[in-house]
């Protein structure tokens, strides 16, 4: 059989197999894609599909690979202030809202990275959403911190400085408070901060999680 004949024979088979994979996708994703198309259009569906593929294809990757790939993926989105993008002074978008509109502010970048890494199996104990002051911009900002061990210097995932860097290399950031799914900490000069209660004290965080229950 010639190469041309092989292509004619196998290409339709491959395309058919791919179609079956798409059709066989979990029902919740089919509903999600349909919802995204109605709200944001076909190009948004492609971004959300790529996100779901990222999660599916990197379950067995190393922690460093997961951090790098998630950080790089979401840093492709555009930065737009909340008041311009959402018509509110402060709005924390779900990952689907962020991808659907292809834009958001620093909280939206950080939130999307946090929930994606949690889906990839990174323990919540290793992650913190950190509210900081950017000294170079003289404004508040948010980044995601990853602690390899409780006593480790965290690695930061940021949309301003797009490279993964240890917090010790980010002298331009002054931590104010941090939180994860359960807890809230006030930052100290040294250490991981002072535990001051549950993250449910943050109304924007509670609102976000309520909207996430609908996965959109």
N, C-alpha and C. Protein backbone atom coordinates (compact mmCIF):
# COMPACT_ATOMS: atom_id res chain seq x y z
N UNK A 1 0.86 -1.20 0.00
CA UNK A 1 0.00 0.00 0.00
C UNK A 1 0.89 1.24 0.00
N UNK A 2 0.61 2.21 -0.86
CA UNK A 2 1.42 3.42 -0.96
C UNK A 2 1.13 4.35 0.21
N UNK A 3 2.03 5.34 0.40
CA UNK A 3 1.84 6.32 1.47
C UNK A 3 0.54 7.09 1.28
N UNK A 4 0.25 7.45 0.02
CA UNK A 4 -0.99 8.17 -0.27
C UNK A 4 -2.20 7.33 0.10
N UNK A 5 -2.12 6.03 -0.20
CA UNK A 5 -3.24 5.14 0.14
C UNK A 5 -3.41 5.02 1.64
N UNK A 6 -2.28 4.94 2.36
CA UNK A 6 -2.35 4.86 3.82
C UNK A 6 -3.03 6.09 4.41
N UNK A 7 -2.67 7.26 3.85
CA UNK A 7 -3.28 8.49 4.34
C UNK A 7 -4.78 8.50 4.08
N UNK A 8 -5.16 8.06 2.88
CA UNK A 8 -6.58 8.05 2.53
C UNK A 8 -7.36 7.09 3.43
N UNK A 9 -6.69 6.00 3.85
CA UNK A 9 -7.37 4.99 4.65
C UNK A 9 -7.46 5.40 6.12
N UNK A 10 -6.31 5.84 6.67
CA UNK A 10 -6.24 6.06 8.10
C UNK A 10 -6.74 7.42 8.55
N UNK A 11 -6.65 8.45 7.70
CA UNK A 11 -7.07 9.78 8.12
C UNK A 11 -8.54 9.82 8.51
N UNK A 12 -9.46 9.25 7.70
CA UNK A 12 -10.87 9.25 8.13
C UNK A 12 -11.07 8.48 9.42
N UNK A 13 -10.28 7.41 9.64
CA UNK A 13 -10.40 6.63 10.87
C UNK A 13 -10.00 7.47 12.07
N UNK A 14 -8.87 8.21 11.91
CA UNK A 14 -8.40 9.06 13.00
C UNK A 14 -9.40 10.15 13.33
N UNK A 15 -9.91 10.80 12.28
CA UNK A 15 -10.89 11.87 12.48
C UNK A 15 -12.14 11.32 13.15
N UNK A 16 -12.57 10.14 12.72
CA UNK A 16 -13.74 9.51 13.32
C UNK A 16 -13.52 9.20 14.78
N UNK A 17 -12.31 8.73 15.10
CA UNK A 17 -12.00 8.41 16.50
C UNK A 17 -12.01 9.66 17.36
N UNK A 18 -11.46 10.75 16.83
CA UNK A 18 -11.48 12.00 17.57
C UNK A 18 -12.90 12.49 17.80
N UNK A 19 -13.74 12.31 16.80
CA UNK A 19 -15.14 12.72 16.94
C UNK A 19 -15.82 11.93 18.05
N UNK A 20 -15.49 10.63 18.14
CA UNK A 20 -16.08 9.80 19.19
C UNK A 20 -15.62 10.25 20.56
N UNK A 21 -14.34 10.66 20.68
CA UNK A 21 -13.83 11.15 21.95
C UNK A 21 -14.59 12.40 22.38
N UNK A 22 -14.81 13.31 21.43
CA UNK A 22 -15.53 14.54 21.74
C UNK A 22 -16.97 14.23 22.16
N UNK A 23 -17.61 13.35 21.41
CA UNK A 23 -19.00 12.99 21.71
C UNK A 23 -19.11 12.31 23.07
N UNK A 24 -18.05 11.52 23.41
CA UNK A 24 -18.08 10.75 24.65
C UNK A 24 -17.64 11.56 25.86
N UNK A 25 -17.35 12.85 25.68
CA UNK A 25 -16.94 13.68 26.80
C UNK A 25 -18.02 13.67 27.87
N UNK A 26 -17.63 13.82 29.16
CA UNK A 26 -18.61 13.81 30.25
C UNK A 26 -19.73 14.80 29.99
N UNK A 27 -20.92 14.43 30.39
CA UNK A 27 -22.09 15.27 30.13
C UNK A 27 -21.93 16.66 30.73
N UNK A 28 -21.28 16.76 31.89
CA UNK A 28 -21.15 18.08 32.51
C UNK A 28 -20.30 19.00 31.65
N UNK A 29 -19.35 18.45 30.91
CA UNK A 29 -18.53 19.28 30.03
C UNK A 29 -19.30 19.66 28.77
N UNK A 30 -20.12 18.75 28.26
CA UNK A 30 -20.94 19.08 27.10
C UNK A 30 -21.88 20.23 27.45
N UNK A 31 -22.47 20.16 28.63
CA UNK A 31 -23.35 21.24 29.07
C UNK A 31 -22.56 22.52 29.28
N UNK A 32 -21.36 22.38 29.82
CA UNK A 32 -20.51 23.54 30.04
C UNK A 32 -20.16 24.22 28.72
N UNK A 33 -19.73 23.42 27.73
CA UNK A 33 -19.35 23.98 26.44
C UNK A 33 -20.54 24.69 25.78
N UNK A 34 -21.70 24.08 25.90
CA UNK A 34 -22.90 24.69 25.32
C UNK A 34 -23.21 26.03 25.99
N UNK A 35 -23.07 26.05 27.32
CA UNK A 35 -23.33 27.28 28.07
C UNK A 35 -22.33 28.37 27.71
N UNK A 36 -21.06 27.98 27.59
CA UNK A 36 -20.02 28.94 27.23
C UNK A 36 -20.26 29.52 25.84
N UNK A 37 -20.68 28.67 24.89
CA UNK A 37 -20.92 29.14 23.53
C UNK A 37 -22.04 30.18 23.51
N UNK A 38 -23.10 29.92 24.28
CA UNK A 38 -24.22 30.86 24.32
C UNK A 38 -23.78 32.20 24.94
N UNK A 39 -23.01 32.13 26.01
CA UNK A 39 -22.64 33.34 26.74
C UNK A 39 -21.49 34.11 26.09
N UNK A 40 -20.49 33.36 25.55
CA UNK A 40 -19.25 34.02 25.13
C UNK A 40 -18.84 33.75 23.69
N UNK A 41 -19.44 32.76 23.03
CA UNK A 41 -19.10 32.50 21.64
C UNK A 41 -18.18 31.30 21.42
N UNK A 42 -17.97 30.96 20.14
CA UNK A 42 -17.22 29.76 19.77
C UNK A 42 -15.76 29.81 20.20
N UNK A 43 -15.12 30.97 20.08
CA UNK A 43 -13.71 31.06 20.44
C UNK A 43 -13.50 30.82 21.94
N UNK A 44 -14.48 31.22 22.73
CA UNK A 44 -14.40 30.97 24.16
C UNK A 44 -14.49 29.48 24.46
N UNK A 45 -15.30 28.76 23.68
CA UNK A 45 -15.41 27.31 23.85
C UNK A 45 -14.04 26.66 23.64
N UNK A 46 -13.31 27.12 22.65
CA UNK A 46 -11.98 26.57 22.39
C UNK A 46 -11.04 26.80 23.56
N UNK A 47 -11.12 27.95 24.17
CA UNK A 47 -10.27 28.23 25.34
C UNK A 47 -10.63 27.33 26.51
N UNK A 48 -11.94 27.15 26.73
CA UNK A 48 -12.37 26.31 27.84
C UNK A 48 -12.02 24.84 27.57
N UNK A 49 -12.16 24.39 26.32
CA UNK A 49 -11.76 23.03 25.96
C UNK A 49 -10.26 22.83 26.21
N UNK A 50 -9.46 23.82 25.84
CA UNK A 50 -8.02 23.72 26.04
C UNK A 50 -7.69 23.64 27.53
N UNK A 51 -8.42 24.38 28.33
CA UNK A 51 -8.26 24.32 29.79
C UNK A 51 -8.57 22.92 30.32
N UNK A 52 -9.73 22.35 29.86
CA UNK A 52 -10.08 21.01 30.33
C UNK A 52 -9.06 19.97 29.86
N UNK A 53 -8.53 20.15 28.65
CA UNK A 53 -7.48 19.25 28.16
C UNK A 53 -6.22 19.38 29.00
N UNK A 54 -5.88 20.61 29.39
CA UNK A 54 -4.71 20.84 30.24
C UNK A 54 -4.82 20.04 31.53
N UNK A 55 -5.99 20.07 32.13
CA UNK A 55 -6.21 19.34 33.38
C UNK A 55 -6.12 17.82 33.14
N UNK A 56 -6.76 17.34 32.08
CA UNK A 56 -6.79 15.91 31.80
C UNK A 56 -5.41 15.36 31.46
N UNK A 57 -4.61 16.15 30.73
CA UNK A 57 -3.34 15.66 30.21
C UNK A 57 -2.17 15.80 31.18
N UNK A 58 -2.36 16.51 32.29
CA UNK A 58 -1.25 16.77 33.19
C UNK A 58 -1.43 16.18 34.59
N UNK A 59 -2.34 15.23 34.71
CA UNK A 59 -2.55 14.60 36.02
C UNK A 59 -1.29 13.92 36.55
N UNK A 60 -0.49 13.36 35.67
CA UNK A 60 0.71 12.62 36.08
C UNK A 60 1.99 13.44 35.95
N UNK A 61 1.87 14.71 35.63
CA UNK A 61 3.05 15.57 35.50
C UNK A 61 3.64 15.86 36.88
N UNK A 62 4.88 16.29 36.91
CA UNK A 62 5.50 16.67 38.18
C UNK A 62 4.86 17.97 38.69
N UNK A 63 5.06 18.26 39.96
CA UNK A 63 4.49 19.49 40.51
C UNK A 63 5.04 20.72 39.80
N UNK A 64 6.33 20.71 39.49
CA UNK A 64 6.92 21.85 38.80
C UNK A 64 6.32 22.02 37.40
N UNK A 65 6.10 20.91 36.71
CA UNK A 65 5.47 20.98 35.38
C UNK A 65 4.06 21.53 35.49
N UNK A 66 3.32 21.08 36.49
CA UNK A 66 1.95 21.58 36.68
C UNK A 66 1.95 23.08 36.93
N UNK A 67 2.83 23.54 37.81
CA UNK A 67 2.91 24.96 38.12
C UNK A 67 3.24 25.77 36.87
N UNK A 68 4.23 25.30 36.12
CA UNK A 68 4.69 26.02 34.94
C UNK A 68 3.62 26.09 33.86
N UNK A 69 3.00 24.94 33.57
CA UNK A 69 2.01 24.88 32.50
C UNK A 69 0.76 25.67 32.83
N UNK A 70 0.31 25.60 34.06
CA UNK A 70 -0.88 26.36 34.47
C UNK A 70 -0.58 27.86 34.45
N UNK A 71 0.58 28.24 34.98
CA UNK A 71 0.96 29.65 34.99
C UNK A 71 1.05 30.20 33.56
N UNK A 72 1.71 29.46 32.68
CA UNK A 72 1.87 29.91 31.29
C UNK A 72 0.52 30.00 30.56
N UNK A 73 -0.34 29.02 30.82
CA UNK A 73 -1.63 29.00 30.12
C UNK A 73 -2.47 30.22 30.46
N UNK A 74 -2.65 30.49 31.74
CA UNK A 74 -3.53 31.59 32.12
C UNK A 74 -2.90 32.97 31.88
N UNK A 75 -1.58 33.02 31.86
CA UNK A 75 -0.93 34.31 31.60
C UNK A 75 -1.07 34.76 30.15
N UNK A 76 -1.70 33.95 29.32
CA UNK A 76 -2.02 34.38 27.95
C UNK A 76 -3.24 35.31 27.91
N UNK A 77 -4.02 35.33 28.98
CA UNK A 77 -5.21 36.17 29.02
C UNK A 77 -4.82 37.64 29.17
N UNK A 78 -5.76 38.52 28.92
CA UNK A 78 -5.50 39.96 28.99
C UNK A 78 -5.86 40.51 30.37
N UNK A 79 -5.08 41.50 30.81
CA UNK A 79 -5.39 42.16 32.07
C UNK A 79 -6.33 43.34 31.81
N UNK A 80 -7.46 43.36 32.51
CA UNK A 80 -8.42 44.47 32.43
C UNK A 80 -8.97 44.72 33.84
N UNK A 81 -9.00 45.97 34.26
CA UNK A 81 -9.52 46.31 35.59
C UNK A 81 -10.99 45.93 35.71
N UNK A 82 -11.39 45.57 36.94
CA UNK A 82 -12.77 45.13 37.20
C UNK A 82 -13.82 46.16 36.77
N UNK A 83 -13.56 47.42 37.07
CA UNK A 83 -14.58 48.44 36.79
C UNK A 83 -14.84 48.56 35.29
N UNK A 84 -13.83 48.30 34.50
CA UNK A 84 -13.98 48.33 33.04
C UNK A 84 -14.56 47.02 32.53
N UNK A 85 -14.05 45.91 33.08
CA UNK A 85 -14.42 44.60 32.54
C UNK A 85 -15.76 44.10 33.06
N UNK A 86 -16.00 44.27 34.36
CA UNK A 86 -17.22 43.73 34.97
C UNK A 86 -18.20 44.80 35.41
N UNK A 87 -17.79 46.06 35.35
CA UNK A 87 -18.67 47.14 35.79
C UNK A 87 -18.82 47.21 37.29
N UNK A 88 -17.84 46.62 38.03
CA UNK A 88 -17.86 46.64 39.49
C UNK A 88 -16.47 47.02 39.99
N UNK A 89 -16.42 47.59 41.18
CA UNK A 89 -15.14 47.97 41.76
C UNK A 89 -14.28 46.75 42.04
N UNK A 90 -14.91 45.68 42.50
CA UNK A 90 -14.16 44.47 42.83
C UNK A 90 -15.03 43.24 42.57
N UNK A 91 -14.61 42.40 41.63
CA UNK A 91 -15.36 41.20 41.29
C UNK A 91 -14.38 40.06 41.08
N UNK A 92 -14.61 38.94 41.76
CA UNK A 92 -13.73 37.77 41.62
C UNK A 92 -14.42 36.77 40.69
N UNK A 93 -13.87 36.62 39.51
CA UNK A 93 -14.47 35.78 38.47
C UNK A 93 -14.13 34.32 38.66
N UNK A 94 -15.03 33.45 38.21
CA UNK A 94 -14.73 32.02 38.15
C UNK A 94 -13.77 31.79 36.98
N UNK A 95 -13.08 30.64 36.96
CA UNK A 95 -12.20 30.34 35.82
C UNK A 95 -12.93 30.39 34.48
N UNK A 96 -14.18 29.94 34.43
CA UNK A 96 -14.92 29.94 33.17
C UNK A 96 -15.26 31.37 32.74
N UNK A 97 -15.64 32.22 33.67
CA UNK A 97 -15.89 33.61 33.35
C UNK A 97 -14.63 34.28 32.82
N UNK A 98 -13.51 33.98 33.47
CA UNK A 98 -12.22 34.53 33.07
C UNK A 98 -11.83 34.09 31.66
N UNK A 99 -11.93 32.79 31.41
CA UNK A 99 -11.60 32.26 30.08
C UNK A 99 -12.63 32.68 29.04
N UNK A 100 -13.89 32.73 29.45
CA UNK A 100 -14.93 33.10 28.51
C UNK A 100 -14.73 34.48 27.93
N UNK A 101 -14.31 35.41 28.78
CA UNK A 101 -14.09 36.78 28.34
C UNK A 101 -12.64 37.05 27.94
N UNK A 102 -11.77 36.09 28.21
CA UNK A 102 -10.34 36.15 27.89
C UNK A 102 -9.66 37.33 28.59
N UNK A 103 -10.20 37.75 29.73
CA UNK A 103 -9.62 38.89 30.43
C UNK A 103 -10.09 38.93 31.88
N UNK A 104 -9.33 39.64 32.68
CA UNK A 104 -9.66 39.84 34.08
C UNK A 104 -8.52 40.57 34.76
N UNK A 105 -8.67 40.79 36.07
CA UNK A 105 -7.58 41.44 36.78
C UNK A 105 -6.78 40.40 37.56
N UNK A 106 -5.88 40.87 38.43
CA UNK A 106 -4.94 39.95 39.08
C UNK A 106 -5.63 38.87 39.91
N UNK A 107 -6.75 39.21 40.55
CA UNK A 107 -7.48 38.19 41.32
C UNK A 107 -7.98 37.08 40.41
N UNK A 108 -8.45 37.43 39.23
CA UNK A 108 -8.99 36.43 38.30
C UNK A 108 -7.90 35.49 37.80
N UNK A 109 -6.72 36.03 37.50
CA UNK A 109 -5.58 35.20 37.13
C UNK A 109 -5.25 34.21 38.24
N UNK A 110 -5.17 34.73 39.46
CA UNK A 110 -4.76 33.92 40.61
C UNK A 110 -5.78 32.85 40.94
N UNK A 111 -7.04 33.22 40.92
CA UNK A 111 -8.12 32.27 41.23
C UNK A 111 -8.14 31.13 40.22
N UNK A 112 -8.02 31.45 38.95
CA UNK A 112 -8.03 30.42 37.91
C UNK A 112 -6.86 29.45 38.08
N UNK A 113 -5.70 29.97 38.41
CA UNK A 113 -4.53 29.11 38.62
C UNK A 113 -4.72 28.23 39.86
N UNK A 114 -5.26 28.82 40.92
CA UNK A 114 -5.48 28.07 42.16
C UNK A 114 -6.40 26.88 41.94
N UNK A 115 -7.57 27.12 41.37
CA UNK A 115 -8.53 26.02 41.21
C UNK A 115 -8.05 24.98 40.20
N UNK A 116 -7.29 25.39 39.21
CA UNK A 116 -6.77 24.43 38.24
C UNK A 116 -5.71 23.54 38.88
N UNK A 117 -4.84 24.12 39.68
CA UNK A 117 -3.83 23.31 40.37
C UNK A 117 -4.47 22.37 41.38
N UNK A 118 -5.55 22.80 42.01
CA UNK A 118 -6.27 21.90 42.92
C UNK A 118 -6.83 20.71 42.13
N UNK A 119 -7.38 20.97 40.95
CA UNK A 119 -7.87 19.88 40.10
C UNK A 119 -6.75 18.94 39.68
N UNK A 120 -5.55 19.47 39.57
CA UNK A 120 -4.40 18.67 39.17
C UNK A 120 -3.78 17.93 40.36
N UNK A 121 -4.42 18.00 41.51
CA UNK A 121 -3.97 17.21 42.65
C UNK A 121 -3.00 17.89 43.59
N UNK A 122 -2.75 19.18 43.39
CA UNK A 122 -1.88 19.90 44.33
C UNK A 122 -2.65 20.12 45.62
N UNK A 123 -2.08 19.73 46.73
CA UNK A 123 -2.75 19.85 48.02
C UNK A 123 -3.04 21.31 48.37
N UNK A 124 -4.21 21.54 48.96
CA UNK A 124 -4.58 22.89 49.37
C UNK A 124 -3.59 23.44 50.39
N UNK A 125 -2.98 22.55 51.19
CA UNK A 125 -2.01 22.98 52.20
C UNK A 125 -0.77 23.60 51.57
N UNK A 126 -0.54 23.32 50.28
CA UNK A 126 0.64 23.85 49.60
C UNK A 126 0.37 25.16 48.85
N UNK A 127 -0.89 25.57 48.84
CA UNK A 127 -1.27 26.74 48.04
C UNK A 127 -1.87 27.85 48.89
N UNK A 128 -1.55 29.08 48.51
CA UNK A 128 -2.18 30.24 49.14
C UNK A 128 -2.37 31.34 48.10
N UNK A 129 -3.53 31.94 48.13
CA UNK A 129 -3.77 33.15 47.36
C UNK A 129 -3.30 34.30 48.24
N UNK A 130 -2.37 35.09 47.75
CA UNK A 130 -1.71 36.10 48.58
C UNK A 130 -2.03 37.50 48.07
N UNK A 131 -2.64 38.29 48.94
CA UNK A 131 -2.94 39.69 48.63
C UNK A 131 -1.72 40.49 49.04
N UNK A 132 -1.15 41.24 48.11
CA UNK A 132 0.09 41.96 48.35
C UNK A 132 -0.06 43.41 47.91
N UNK A 133 0.95 44.20 48.23
CA UNK A 133 1.09 45.53 47.63
C UNK A 133 2.27 45.48 46.67
N UNK A 134 2.03 45.85 45.43
CA UNK A 134 3.11 45.94 44.45
C UNK A 134 3.81 47.28 44.68
N UNK A 135 5.03 47.22 45.16
CA UNK A 135 5.76 48.44 45.47
C UNK A 135 6.14 49.20 44.21
N UNK A 136 6.38 48.46 43.13
CA UNK A 136 6.77 49.12 41.88
C UNK A 136 5.60 49.85 41.24
N UNK A 137 4.38 49.32 41.42
CA UNK A 137 3.19 49.95 40.84
C UNK A 137 2.43 50.80 41.85
N UNK A 138 2.79 50.66 43.13
CA UNK A 138 2.12 51.36 44.22
C UNK A 138 0.62 51.08 44.22
N UNK A 139 0.29 49.78 44.11
CA UNK A 139 -1.11 49.38 44.16
C UNK A 139 -1.22 47.95 44.66
N UNK A 140 -2.43 47.58 45.08
CA UNK A 140 -2.65 46.23 45.57
C UNK A 140 -2.68 45.24 44.41
N UNK A 141 -2.33 44.00 44.74
CA UNK A 141 -2.14 42.98 43.72
C UNK A 141 -2.37 41.62 44.38
N UNK A 142 -2.58 40.58 43.57
CA UNK A 142 -2.72 39.23 44.11
C UNK A 142 -1.88 38.26 43.31
N UNK A 143 -1.24 37.32 44.02
CA UNK A 143 -0.44 36.27 43.39
C UNK A 143 -0.79 34.94 44.05
N UNK A 144 -0.35 33.85 43.44
CA UNK A 144 -0.54 32.53 44.01
C UNK A 144 0.80 32.00 44.51
N UNK A 145 0.82 31.52 45.74
CA UNK A 145 2.05 30.99 46.34
C UNK A 145 1.96 29.48 46.48
N UNK A 146 3.05 28.81 46.12
CA UNK A 146 3.17 27.35 46.26
C UNK A 146 4.28 27.05 47.25
N UNK A 147 3.95 26.29 48.30
CA UNK A 147 4.92 25.87 49.31
C UNK A 147 5.23 24.39 49.11
N UNK A 148 6.46 24.07 48.71
CA UNK A 148 6.84 22.67 48.55
C UNK A 148 6.79 21.94 49.89
N UNK A 149 7.23 22.63 50.95
CA UNK A 149 7.14 22.15 52.33
C UNK A 149 6.66 23.31 53.18
N UNK A 150 6.10 23.01 54.37
CA UNK A 150 5.59 24.09 55.21
C UNK A 150 6.62 25.18 55.52
N UNK A 151 7.90 24.78 55.60
CA UNK A 151 8.95 25.74 55.95
C UNK A 151 9.66 26.32 54.72
N UNK A 152 9.23 25.91 53.51
CA UNK A 152 9.90 26.36 52.30
C UNK A 152 9.57 27.82 51.98
N UNK A 153 10.50 28.48 51.28
CA UNK A 153 10.19 29.77 50.68
C UNK A 153 9.25 29.48 49.51
N UNK A 154 8.09 30.11 49.45
CA UNK A 154 7.13 29.77 48.40
C UNK A 154 7.58 30.25 47.02
N UNK A 155 7.12 29.53 46.01
CA UNK A 155 7.27 29.94 44.62
C UNK A 155 6.00 30.70 44.24
N UNK A 156 6.15 31.82 43.53
CA UNK A 156 5.01 32.66 43.19
C UNK A 156 4.62 32.52 41.73
N UNK A 157 3.32 32.41 41.49
CA UNK A 157 2.74 32.44 40.15
C UNK A 157 2.07 33.79 40.00
N UNK A 158 2.49 34.56 39.00
CA UNK A 158 2.08 35.96 38.90
C UNK A 158 1.82 36.32 37.45
N UNK A 159 0.91 37.25 37.22
CA UNK A 159 0.66 37.72 35.86
C UNK A 159 1.47 38.96 35.51
N UNK A 160 2.11 39.59 36.50
CA UNK A 160 2.99 40.72 36.23
C UNK A 160 4.38 40.23 35.82
N UNK A 161 5.03 39.51 36.70
CA UNK A 161 6.29 38.83 36.39
C UNK A 161 5.91 37.40 36.05
N UNK A 162 5.94 37.05 34.80
CA UNK A 162 5.33 35.81 34.34
C UNK A 162 6.18 34.56 34.60
N UNK A 163 7.42 34.74 35.07
CA UNK A 163 8.27 33.60 35.39
C UNK A 163 8.04 33.16 36.82
N UNK A 164 8.08 31.83 37.03
CA UNK A 164 8.00 31.32 38.40
C UNK A 164 9.25 31.77 39.15
N UNK A 165 9.04 32.38 40.32
CA UNK A 165 10.17 32.85 41.11
C UNK A 165 9.89 32.63 42.59
N UNK A 166 10.94 32.35 43.39
CA UNK A 166 10.72 32.28 44.84
C UNK A 166 10.37 33.65 45.38
N UNK A 167 9.60 33.68 46.44
CA UNK A 167 9.17 34.96 47.02
C UNK A 167 10.37 35.81 47.42
N UNK A 168 11.48 35.16 47.77
CA UNK A 168 12.68 35.90 48.17
C UNK A 168 13.25 36.74 47.03
N UNK A 169 12.87 36.42 45.78
CA UNK A 169 13.34 37.17 44.62
C UNK A 169 12.34 38.26 44.20
N UNK A 170 11.24 38.36 44.93
CA UNK A 170 10.21 39.35 44.58
C UNK A 170 10.14 40.42 45.67
N UNK A 171 11.20 41.21 45.74
CA UNK A 171 11.28 42.28 46.73
C UNK A 171 10.29 43.40 46.42
N UNK A 172 9.69 43.33 45.24
CA UNK A 172 8.73 44.36 44.84
C UNK A 172 7.34 44.11 45.41
N UNK A 173 7.16 42.98 46.10
CA UNK A 173 5.84 42.63 46.64
C UNK A 173 5.86 42.63 48.16
N UNK A 174 4.88 43.28 48.77
CA UNK A 174 4.74 43.32 50.22
C UNK A 174 3.47 42.58 50.62
N UNK A 175 3.61 41.38 51.23
CA UNK A 175 2.43 40.58 51.59
C UNK A 175 1.56 41.28 52.64
N UNK A 176 0.25 41.15 52.47
CA UNK A 176 -0.70 41.74 53.42
C UNK A 176 -1.49 40.63 54.11
N UNK A 177 -2.15 39.78 53.34
CA UNK A 177 -2.82 38.61 53.91
C UNK A 177 -2.85 37.51 52.86
N UNK A 178 -3.13 36.29 53.32
CA UNK A 178 -3.20 35.15 52.40
C UNK A 178 -4.29 34.20 52.87
N UNK A 179 -4.75 33.35 51.96
CA UNK A 179 -5.81 32.42 52.30
C UNK A 179 -5.82 31.25 51.33
N UNK A 180 -6.51 30.19 51.74
CA UNK A 180 -6.79 29.07 50.84
C UNK A 180 -8.24 28.65 51.08
N UNK A 181 -8.57 27.41 50.79
CA UNK A 181 -9.97 27.00 50.88
C UNK A 181 -10.54 27.13 52.28
N UNK A 182 -9.69 26.96 53.30
CA UNK A 182 -10.20 26.92 54.67
C UNK A 182 -9.79 28.11 55.52
N UNK A 183 -8.53 28.54 55.39
CA UNK A 183 -7.97 29.45 56.38
C UNK A 183 -7.57 30.81 55.82
N UNK A 184 -7.45 31.76 56.75
CA UNK A 184 -7.06 33.13 56.43
C UNK A 184 -5.93 33.52 57.38
N UNK A 185 -4.86 34.08 56.80
CA UNK A 185 -3.70 34.49 57.59
C UNK A 185 -3.37 35.96 57.34
N UNK A 186 -2.98 36.67 58.39
CA UNK A 186 -2.38 37.99 58.23
C UNK A 186 -0.88 37.80 58.13
N UNK A 187 -0.27 38.51 57.22
CA UNK A 187 1.15 38.32 56.97
C UNK A 187 2.00 38.95 58.08
N UNK A 188 3.16 38.31 58.32
CA UNK A 188 4.14 38.82 59.26
C UNK A 188 5.45 39.03 58.52
N UNK A 189 6.38 39.66 59.19
CA UNK A 189 7.68 39.91 58.56
C UNK A 189 8.38 38.60 58.22
N UNK A 190 8.19 37.59 59.08
CA UNK A 190 8.80 36.28 58.85
C UNK A 190 7.73 35.21 59.03
N UNK A 191 7.96 34.06 58.42
CA UNK A 191 7.04 32.95 58.57
C UNK A 191 5.85 33.04 57.64
N UNK A 192 4.89 32.14 57.86
CA UNK A 192 3.74 32.03 56.97
C UNK A 192 2.57 32.89 57.41
N UNK A 193 2.72 33.64 58.48
CA UNK A 193 1.67 34.54 58.91
C UNK A 193 0.91 34.05 60.13
N UNK A 194 0.01 34.89 60.61
CA UNK A 194 -0.79 34.59 61.79
C UNK A 194 -2.19 34.16 61.37
N UNK A 195 -2.59 32.96 61.79
CA UNK A 195 -3.92 32.46 61.47
C UNK A 195 -4.96 33.30 62.20
N UNK A 196 -5.90 33.85 61.45
CA UNK A 196 -6.90 34.72 62.07
C UNK A 196 -8.33 34.21 61.85
N UNK A 197 -8.48 33.02 61.30
CA UNK A 197 -9.81 32.46 61.11
C UNK A 197 -9.96 31.76 59.78
N UNK A 198 -11.21 31.55 59.39
CA UNK A 198 -11.50 30.87 58.15
C UNK A 198 -11.58 31.83 56.97
N UNK A 199 -11.32 31.30 55.78
CA UNK A 199 -11.39 32.14 54.58
C UNK A 199 -12.82 32.56 54.26
N UNK A 200 -13.80 31.92 54.92
CA UNK A 200 -15.20 32.32 54.71
C UNK A 200 -15.46 33.74 55.20
N UNK A 201 -14.52 34.30 55.95
CA UNK A 201 -14.65 35.69 56.40
C UNK A 201 -14.54 36.66 55.21
N UNK A 202 -13.99 36.18 54.11
CA UNK A 202 -13.84 37.01 52.91
C UNK A 202 -15.11 36.88 52.07
N UNK A 203 -15.91 37.92 52.03
CA UNK A 203 -17.21 37.84 51.35
C UNK A 203 -17.06 37.56 49.86
N UNK A 204 -16.04 38.12 49.23
CA UNK A 204 -15.84 37.88 47.80
C UNK A 204 -15.49 36.42 47.53
N UNK A 205 -14.75 35.82 48.43
CA UNK A 205 -14.37 34.40 48.32
C UNK A 205 -15.61 33.52 48.48
N UNK A 206 -16.45 33.85 49.43
CA UNK A 206 -17.68 33.09 49.65
C UNK A 206 -18.60 33.19 48.44
N UNK A 207 -18.74 34.39 47.91
CA UNK A 207 -19.58 34.60 46.72
C UNK A 207 -19.04 33.80 45.53
N UNK A 208 -17.73 33.83 45.35
CA UNK A 208 -17.11 33.08 44.26
C UNK A 208 -17.40 31.59 44.38
N UNK A 209 -17.23 31.04 45.55
CA UNK A 209 -17.45 29.60 45.74
C UNK A 209 -18.92 29.23 45.55
N UNK A 210 -19.82 30.11 45.90
CA UNK A 210 -21.23 29.84 45.64
C UNK A 210 -21.50 29.76 44.15
N UNK A 211 -20.88 30.63 43.37
CA UNK A 211 -21.06 30.59 41.91
C UNK A 211 -20.36 29.39 41.28
N UNK A 212 -19.29 28.94 41.89
CA UNK A 212 -18.57 27.78 41.36
C UNK A 212 -19.38 26.50 41.46
N UNK A 213 -20.35 26.47 42.35
CA UNK A 213 -21.18 25.28 42.50
C UNK A 213 -21.91 24.94 41.19
N UNK A 214 -22.14 25.95 40.36
CA UNK A 214 -22.79 25.74 39.07
C UNK A 214 -21.78 25.51 37.95
N UNK A 215 -20.46 25.53 38.33
CA UNK A 215 -19.37 25.28 37.38
C UNK A 215 -19.43 26.23 36.18
N UNK A 216 -19.66 27.52 36.46
CA UNK A 216 -19.61 28.51 35.38
C UNK A 216 -19.24 29.86 35.96
